[in-house]
N, C-alpha and C. Protein backbone atom coordinates (compact mmCIF):
# COMPACT_ATOMS: atom_id res chain seq x y z
N MET A 1 0.84 -1.18 0.00
CA MET A 1 0.00 0.00 0.00
C MET A 1 0.88 1.25 0.00
N ALA A 2 0.51 2.25 -0.77
CA ALA A 2 1.27 3.49 -0.85
C ALA A 2 1.19 4.24 0.47
N GLU A 3 2.25 4.95 0.77
CA GLU A 3 2.30 5.72 2.01
C GLU A 3 1.27 6.85 1.95
N LYS A 4 0.54 7.00 3.05
CA LYS A 4 -0.48 8.04 3.14
C LYS A 4 0.23 9.37 3.39
N THR A 5 -0.11 10.38 2.58
CA THR A 5 0.56 11.67 2.71
C THR A 5 -0.38 12.78 3.18
N ALA A 6 -1.68 12.48 3.26
CA ALA A 6 -2.65 13.47 3.73
C ALA A 6 -3.81 12.75 4.39
N LEU A 7 -4.50 13.47 5.25
CA LEU A 7 -5.63 12.91 5.98
C LEU A 7 -6.92 13.58 5.55
N GLY A 8 -8.00 12.80 5.49
CA GLY A 8 -9.31 13.39 5.33
C GLY A 8 -9.68 14.09 6.64
N GLU A 9 -10.67 14.95 6.59
CA GLU A 9 -11.03 15.72 7.79
C GLU A 9 -11.38 14.83 8.98
N PHE A 10 -12.23 13.84 8.78
CA PHE A 10 -12.64 13.01 9.91
C PHE A 10 -11.50 12.14 10.41
N GLU A 11 -10.70 11.58 9.51
CA GLU A 11 -9.52 10.80 9.93
C GLU A 11 -8.59 11.69 10.75
N HIS A 12 -8.44 12.93 10.32
CA HIS A 12 -7.60 13.89 11.04
C HIS A 12 -8.14 14.09 12.46
N HIS A 13 -9.46 14.27 12.58
CA HIS A 13 -10.08 14.44 13.89
C HIS A 13 -9.86 13.21 14.77
N VAL A 14 -10.05 12.03 14.21
CA VAL A 14 -9.88 10.79 14.97
C VAL A 14 -8.43 10.64 15.42
N LEU A 15 -7.50 10.93 14.53
CA LEU A 15 -6.08 10.83 14.88
C LEU A 15 -5.73 11.79 16.01
N LEU A 16 -6.23 13.02 15.94
CA LEU A 16 -5.96 14.01 17.00
C LEU A 16 -6.59 13.60 18.33
N ALA A 17 -7.80 13.06 18.30
CA ALA A 17 -8.44 12.60 19.53
C ALA A 17 -7.64 11.45 20.15
N ALA A 18 -7.18 10.53 19.31
CA ALA A 18 -6.37 9.41 19.81
C ALA A 18 -5.05 9.92 20.40
N LEU A 19 -4.45 10.91 19.76
CA LEU A 19 -3.22 11.51 20.29
C LEU A 19 -3.47 12.16 21.65
N ARG A 20 -4.55 12.89 21.74
CA ARG A 20 -4.89 13.61 22.97
C ARG A 20 -5.11 12.64 24.12
N LEU A 21 -5.75 11.50 23.85
CA LEU A 21 -6.10 10.55 24.90
C LEU A 21 -4.96 9.59 25.24
N GLY A 22 -4.03 9.43 24.33
CA GLY A 22 -2.93 8.50 24.58
C GLY A 22 -3.33 7.08 24.27
N ASP A 23 -3.68 6.31 25.27
CA ASP A 23 -4.01 4.90 25.12
C ASP A 23 -5.49 4.75 25.44
N ALA A 24 -6.33 4.69 24.40
CA ALA A 24 -7.78 4.68 24.63
C ALA A 24 -8.47 3.74 23.67
N TYR A 25 -9.67 3.36 24.02
CA TYR A 25 -10.49 2.56 23.12
C TYR A 25 -11.53 3.47 22.47
N THR A 26 -12.39 2.92 21.65
CA THR A 26 -13.27 3.69 20.78
C THR A 26 -14.21 4.63 21.52
N ALA A 27 -14.84 4.18 22.60
CA ALA A 27 -15.83 5.01 23.29
C ALA A 27 -15.25 6.34 23.77
N PRO A 28 -14.10 6.36 24.45
CA PRO A 28 -13.53 7.66 24.85
C PRO A 28 -13.12 8.52 23.65
N ILE A 29 -12.68 7.89 22.57
CA ILE A 29 -12.33 8.65 21.36
C ILE A 29 -13.59 9.32 20.81
N LEU A 30 -14.68 8.59 20.76
CA LEU A 30 -15.95 9.12 20.28
C LEU A 30 -16.40 10.29 21.17
N THR A 31 -16.32 10.14 22.48
CA THR A 31 -16.70 11.20 23.42
C THR A 31 -15.83 12.43 23.23
N GLU A 32 -14.54 12.22 23.06
CA GLU A 32 -13.60 13.33 22.85
C GLU A 32 -13.94 14.08 21.57
N LEU A 33 -14.23 13.35 20.51
CA LEU A 33 -14.59 13.98 19.23
C LEU A 33 -15.86 14.83 19.39
N GLU A 34 -16.87 14.27 20.04
CA GLU A 34 -18.11 15.01 20.20
C GLU A 34 -17.94 16.25 21.06
N SER A 35 -17.16 16.14 22.14
CA SER A 35 -16.98 17.30 23.01
C SER A 35 -16.11 18.38 22.36
N ARG A 36 -15.11 17.99 21.60
CA ARG A 36 -14.21 18.96 20.98
C ARG A 36 -14.79 19.60 19.72
N THR A 37 -15.58 18.83 18.95
CA THR A 37 -16.11 19.38 17.70
C THR A 37 -17.52 19.92 17.84
N GLY A 38 -18.22 19.52 18.90
CA GLY A 38 -19.60 19.94 19.07
C GLY A 38 -20.55 19.26 18.09
N ARG A 39 -20.10 18.17 17.51
CA ARG A 39 -20.90 17.43 16.53
C ARG A 39 -21.13 16.01 17.02
N GLU A 40 -22.28 15.46 16.65
CA GLU A 40 -22.58 14.07 16.98
C GLU A 40 -21.76 13.17 16.05
N VAL A 41 -21.20 12.12 16.62
CA VAL A 41 -20.34 11.21 15.86
C VAL A 41 -20.84 9.78 16.06
N SER A 42 -20.88 9.01 15.00
CA SER A 42 -21.31 7.62 15.13
C SER A 42 -20.10 6.73 15.43
N ALA A 43 -20.36 5.71 16.24
CA ALA A 43 -19.30 4.76 16.58
C ALA A 43 -18.79 4.07 15.32
N ALA A 44 -19.69 3.76 14.40
CA ALA A 44 -19.28 3.08 13.16
C ALA A 44 -18.29 3.93 12.37
N ALA A 45 -18.51 5.24 12.32
CA ALA A 45 -17.59 6.12 11.59
C ALA A 45 -16.21 6.11 12.24
N VAL A 46 -16.17 6.06 13.57
CA VAL A 46 -14.89 6.02 14.28
C VAL A 46 -14.18 4.70 14.00
N TYR A 47 -14.91 3.58 14.04
CA TYR A 47 -14.32 2.27 13.73
C TYR A 47 -13.73 2.25 12.32
N ILE A 48 -14.47 2.77 11.36
CA ILE A 48 -14.00 2.79 9.97
C ILE A 48 -12.74 3.64 9.84
N ALA A 49 -12.75 4.82 10.44
CA ALA A 49 -11.58 5.70 10.37
C ALA A 49 -10.37 5.04 11.03
N LEU A 50 -10.58 4.42 12.18
CA LEU A 50 -9.47 3.74 12.86
C LEU A 50 -8.91 2.60 12.02
N ARG A 51 -9.79 1.86 11.34
CA ARG A 51 -9.32 0.78 10.47
C ARG A 51 -8.46 1.33 9.34
N ARG A 52 -8.91 2.44 8.73
CA ARG A 52 -8.11 3.06 7.65
C ARG A 52 -6.78 3.56 8.19
N LEU A 53 -6.80 4.21 9.35
CA LEU A 53 -5.56 4.72 9.93
C LEU A 53 -4.60 3.57 10.28
N GLU A 54 -5.16 2.47 10.74
CA GLU A 54 -4.31 1.32 11.08
C GLU A 54 -3.71 0.70 9.82
N ARG A 55 -4.52 0.57 8.76
CA ARG A 55 -3.99 0.03 7.51
C ARG A 55 -2.88 0.90 6.95
N ALA A 56 -2.96 2.20 7.18
CA ALA A 56 -1.94 3.13 6.70
C ALA A 56 -0.74 3.19 7.65
N GLY A 57 -0.79 2.47 8.77
CA GLY A 57 0.32 2.45 9.71
C GLY A 57 0.39 3.68 10.60
N LEU A 58 -0.71 4.42 10.71
CA LEU A 58 -0.71 5.66 11.49
C LEU A 58 -1.15 5.44 12.93
N VAL A 59 -1.88 4.35 13.17
CA VAL A 59 -2.21 3.93 14.53
C VAL A 59 -1.97 2.44 14.63
N ARG A 60 -1.81 1.99 15.85
CA ARG A 60 -1.67 0.56 16.13
C ARG A 60 -2.75 0.23 17.16
N THR A 61 -3.41 -0.89 17.00
CA THR A 61 -4.41 -1.29 17.98
C THR A 61 -3.99 -2.57 18.66
N GLN A 62 -4.52 -2.74 19.87
CA GLN A 62 -4.21 -3.93 20.64
C GLN A 62 -5.48 -4.38 21.35
N LEU A 63 -5.85 -5.62 21.15
CA LEU A 63 -7.02 -6.18 21.81
C LEU A 63 -6.61 -6.61 23.21
N ARG A 64 -7.30 -6.08 24.20
CA ARG A 64 -7.01 -6.45 25.59
C ARG A 64 -8.21 -7.22 26.14
N THR A 65 -7.90 -8.30 26.81
CA THR A 65 -8.96 -9.16 27.33
C THR A 65 -9.60 -8.53 28.56
N GLY A 66 -10.79 -8.98 28.86
CA GLY A 66 -11.51 -8.49 30.03
C GLY A 66 -10.76 -8.76 31.32
N THR A 67 -10.05 -9.89 31.41
CA THR A 67 -9.32 -10.21 32.64
C THR A 67 -8.16 -9.23 32.87
N GLU A 68 -7.53 -8.79 31.79
CA GLU A 68 -6.46 -7.78 31.91
C GLU A 68 -7.01 -6.47 32.44
N LEU A 69 -8.25 -6.17 32.04
CA LEU A 69 -8.87 -4.89 32.35
C LEU A 69 -9.76 -4.95 33.59
N HIS A 70 -9.90 -6.13 34.18
CA HIS A 70 -10.81 -6.34 35.30
C HIS A 70 -12.24 -5.95 34.90
N GLU A 71 -12.58 -6.30 33.67
CA GLU A 71 -13.91 -6.03 33.13
C GLU A 71 -14.43 -7.31 32.49
N ARG A 72 -15.64 -7.25 31.99
CA ARG A 72 -16.27 -8.44 31.41
C ARG A 72 -15.96 -8.65 29.94
N ARG A 73 -15.55 -7.61 29.24
CA ARG A 73 -15.38 -7.79 27.79
C ARG A 73 -14.03 -7.26 27.32
N GLU A 74 -13.69 -7.66 26.09
CA GLU A 74 -12.45 -7.20 25.48
C GLU A 74 -12.65 -5.79 24.91
N ARG A 75 -11.57 -5.07 24.84
CA ARG A 75 -11.58 -3.75 24.21
C ARG A 75 -10.34 -3.62 23.32
N ARG A 76 -10.52 -2.92 22.21
CA ARG A 76 -9.42 -2.68 21.29
C ARG A 76 -8.87 -1.28 21.57
N TYR A 77 -7.65 -1.22 22.10
CA TYR A 77 -7.02 0.05 22.45
C TYR A 77 -6.20 0.58 21.27
N VAL A 78 -6.14 1.88 21.16
CA VAL A 78 -5.51 2.57 20.04
C VAL A 78 -4.33 3.39 20.53
N ARG A 79 -3.24 3.32 19.79
CA ARG A 79 -2.07 4.17 20.06
C ARG A 79 -1.56 4.69 18.73
N VAL A 80 -1.27 5.98 18.68
CA VAL A 80 -0.76 6.61 17.45
C VAL A 80 0.71 6.23 17.28
N THR A 81 1.07 5.85 16.08
CA THR A 81 2.45 5.46 15.77
C THR A 81 3.30 6.70 15.47
N PRO A 82 4.62 6.55 15.44
CA PRO A 82 5.47 7.67 15.03
C PRO A 82 5.10 8.23 13.66
N ALA A 83 4.72 7.34 12.73
CA ALA A 83 4.30 7.81 11.40
C ALA A 83 3.03 8.65 11.50
N GLY A 84 2.13 8.27 12.40
CA GLY A 84 0.90 9.05 12.61
C GLY A 84 1.19 10.42 13.19
N ILE A 85 2.12 10.47 14.12
CA ILE A 85 2.52 11.75 14.72
C ILE A 85 3.16 12.64 13.65
N LYS A 86 4.01 12.05 12.84
CA LYS A 86 4.66 12.81 11.77
C LYS A 86 3.63 13.38 10.80
N LEU A 87 2.66 12.57 10.40
CA LEU A 87 1.65 13.04 9.45
C LEU A 87 0.75 14.11 10.09
N ALA A 88 0.43 13.96 11.37
CA ALA A 88 -0.37 14.98 12.08
C ALA A 88 0.38 16.31 12.12
N ARG A 89 1.67 16.26 12.38
CA ARG A 89 2.47 17.50 12.39
C ARG A 89 2.50 18.15 11.02
N GLU A 90 2.63 17.35 9.98
CA GLU A 90 2.66 17.89 8.62
C GLU A 90 1.30 18.50 8.27
N ALA A 91 0.22 17.84 8.67
CA ALA A 91 -1.12 18.38 8.41
C ALA A 91 -1.30 19.72 9.11
N ARG A 92 -0.78 19.83 10.32
CA ARG A 92 -0.85 21.09 11.08
C ARG A 92 -0.07 22.19 10.35
N ARG A 93 1.11 21.87 9.90
CA ARG A 93 1.93 22.86 9.16
C ARG A 93 1.20 23.32 7.89
N ARG A 94 0.60 22.38 7.18
CA ARG A 94 -0.14 22.74 5.96
C ARG A 94 -1.29 23.68 6.27
N LEU A 95 -2.05 23.37 7.32
CA LEU A 95 -3.18 24.24 7.68
C LEU A 95 -2.70 25.63 8.08
N PHE A 96 -1.63 25.71 8.85
CA PHE A 96 -1.10 27.02 9.24
C PHE A 96 -0.65 27.81 8.02
N ARG A 97 -0.01 27.14 7.07
CA ARG A 97 0.41 27.84 5.84
C ARG A 97 -0.79 28.35 5.05
N LEU A 98 -1.86 27.58 5.03
CA LEU A 98 -3.07 28.03 4.33
C LEU A 98 -3.72 29.23 5.02
N TRP A 99 -3.71 29.23 6.35
CA TRP A 99 -4.32 30.34 7.10
C TRP A 99 -3.42 31.57 7.16
N ASP A 100 -2.14 31.40 6.97
CA ASP A 100 -1.19 32.51 7.09
C ASP A 100 -1.57 33.66 6.15
N GLY A 101 -1.73 34.83 6.71
CA GLY A 101 -2.05 36.02 5.93
C GLY A 101 -3.51 36.18 5.57
N LEU A 102 -4.34 35.25 6.01
CA LEU A 102 -5.77 35.32 5.70
C LEU A 102 -6.48 36.05 6.83
N HIS A 103 -6.58 37.36 6.70
CA HIS A 103 -7.14 38.19 7.76
C HIS A 103 -8.64 38.46 7.54
N VAL A 104 -9.17 38.12 6.41
CA VAL A 104 -10.57 38.39 6.08
C VAL A 104 -11.52 37.74 7.08
N LEU A 105 -11.17 36.54 7.58
CA LEU A 105 -12.07 35.80 8.44
C LEU A 105 -11.80 35.98 9.93
N GLN A 106 -10.89 36.86 10.28
CA GLN A 106 -10.61 37.06 11.70
C GLN A 106 -11.82 37.65 12.39
N ALA A 107 -12.08 37.16 13.60
CA ALA A 107 -13.22 37.65 14.37
C ALA A 107 -12.99 39.10 14.77
N LYS A 108 -14.06 39.86 14.73
CA LYS A 108 -13.99 41.26 15.15
C LYS A 108 -14.52 41.35 16.57
N GLY A 109 -13.74 42.02 17.42
CA GLY A 109 -14.02 42.15 18.84
C GLY A 109 -15.27 42.78 19.16
């Protein structure tokens, strides 16, 4: 598979939420996305985005058993890889370059 060089908007959001949370499973990522964006997010959309990010090598997941977690069920935990961090930084730089000098949309006090 070719190396991913850019992120779609939702994949970008999911990657940033996973970075912010560190080691988390889908439910906290979904909650983080909803609280930070103010938008309702479906669990299925998060699962799909995480699968794409994992296939691209930007996140790594690990299935943890209920006994490890002192819970009844397994959970798939997500951690952003160095490649994911690198791509997130590049996406940030690109956005800053696009916004640089764009004063038309600045909020007026």
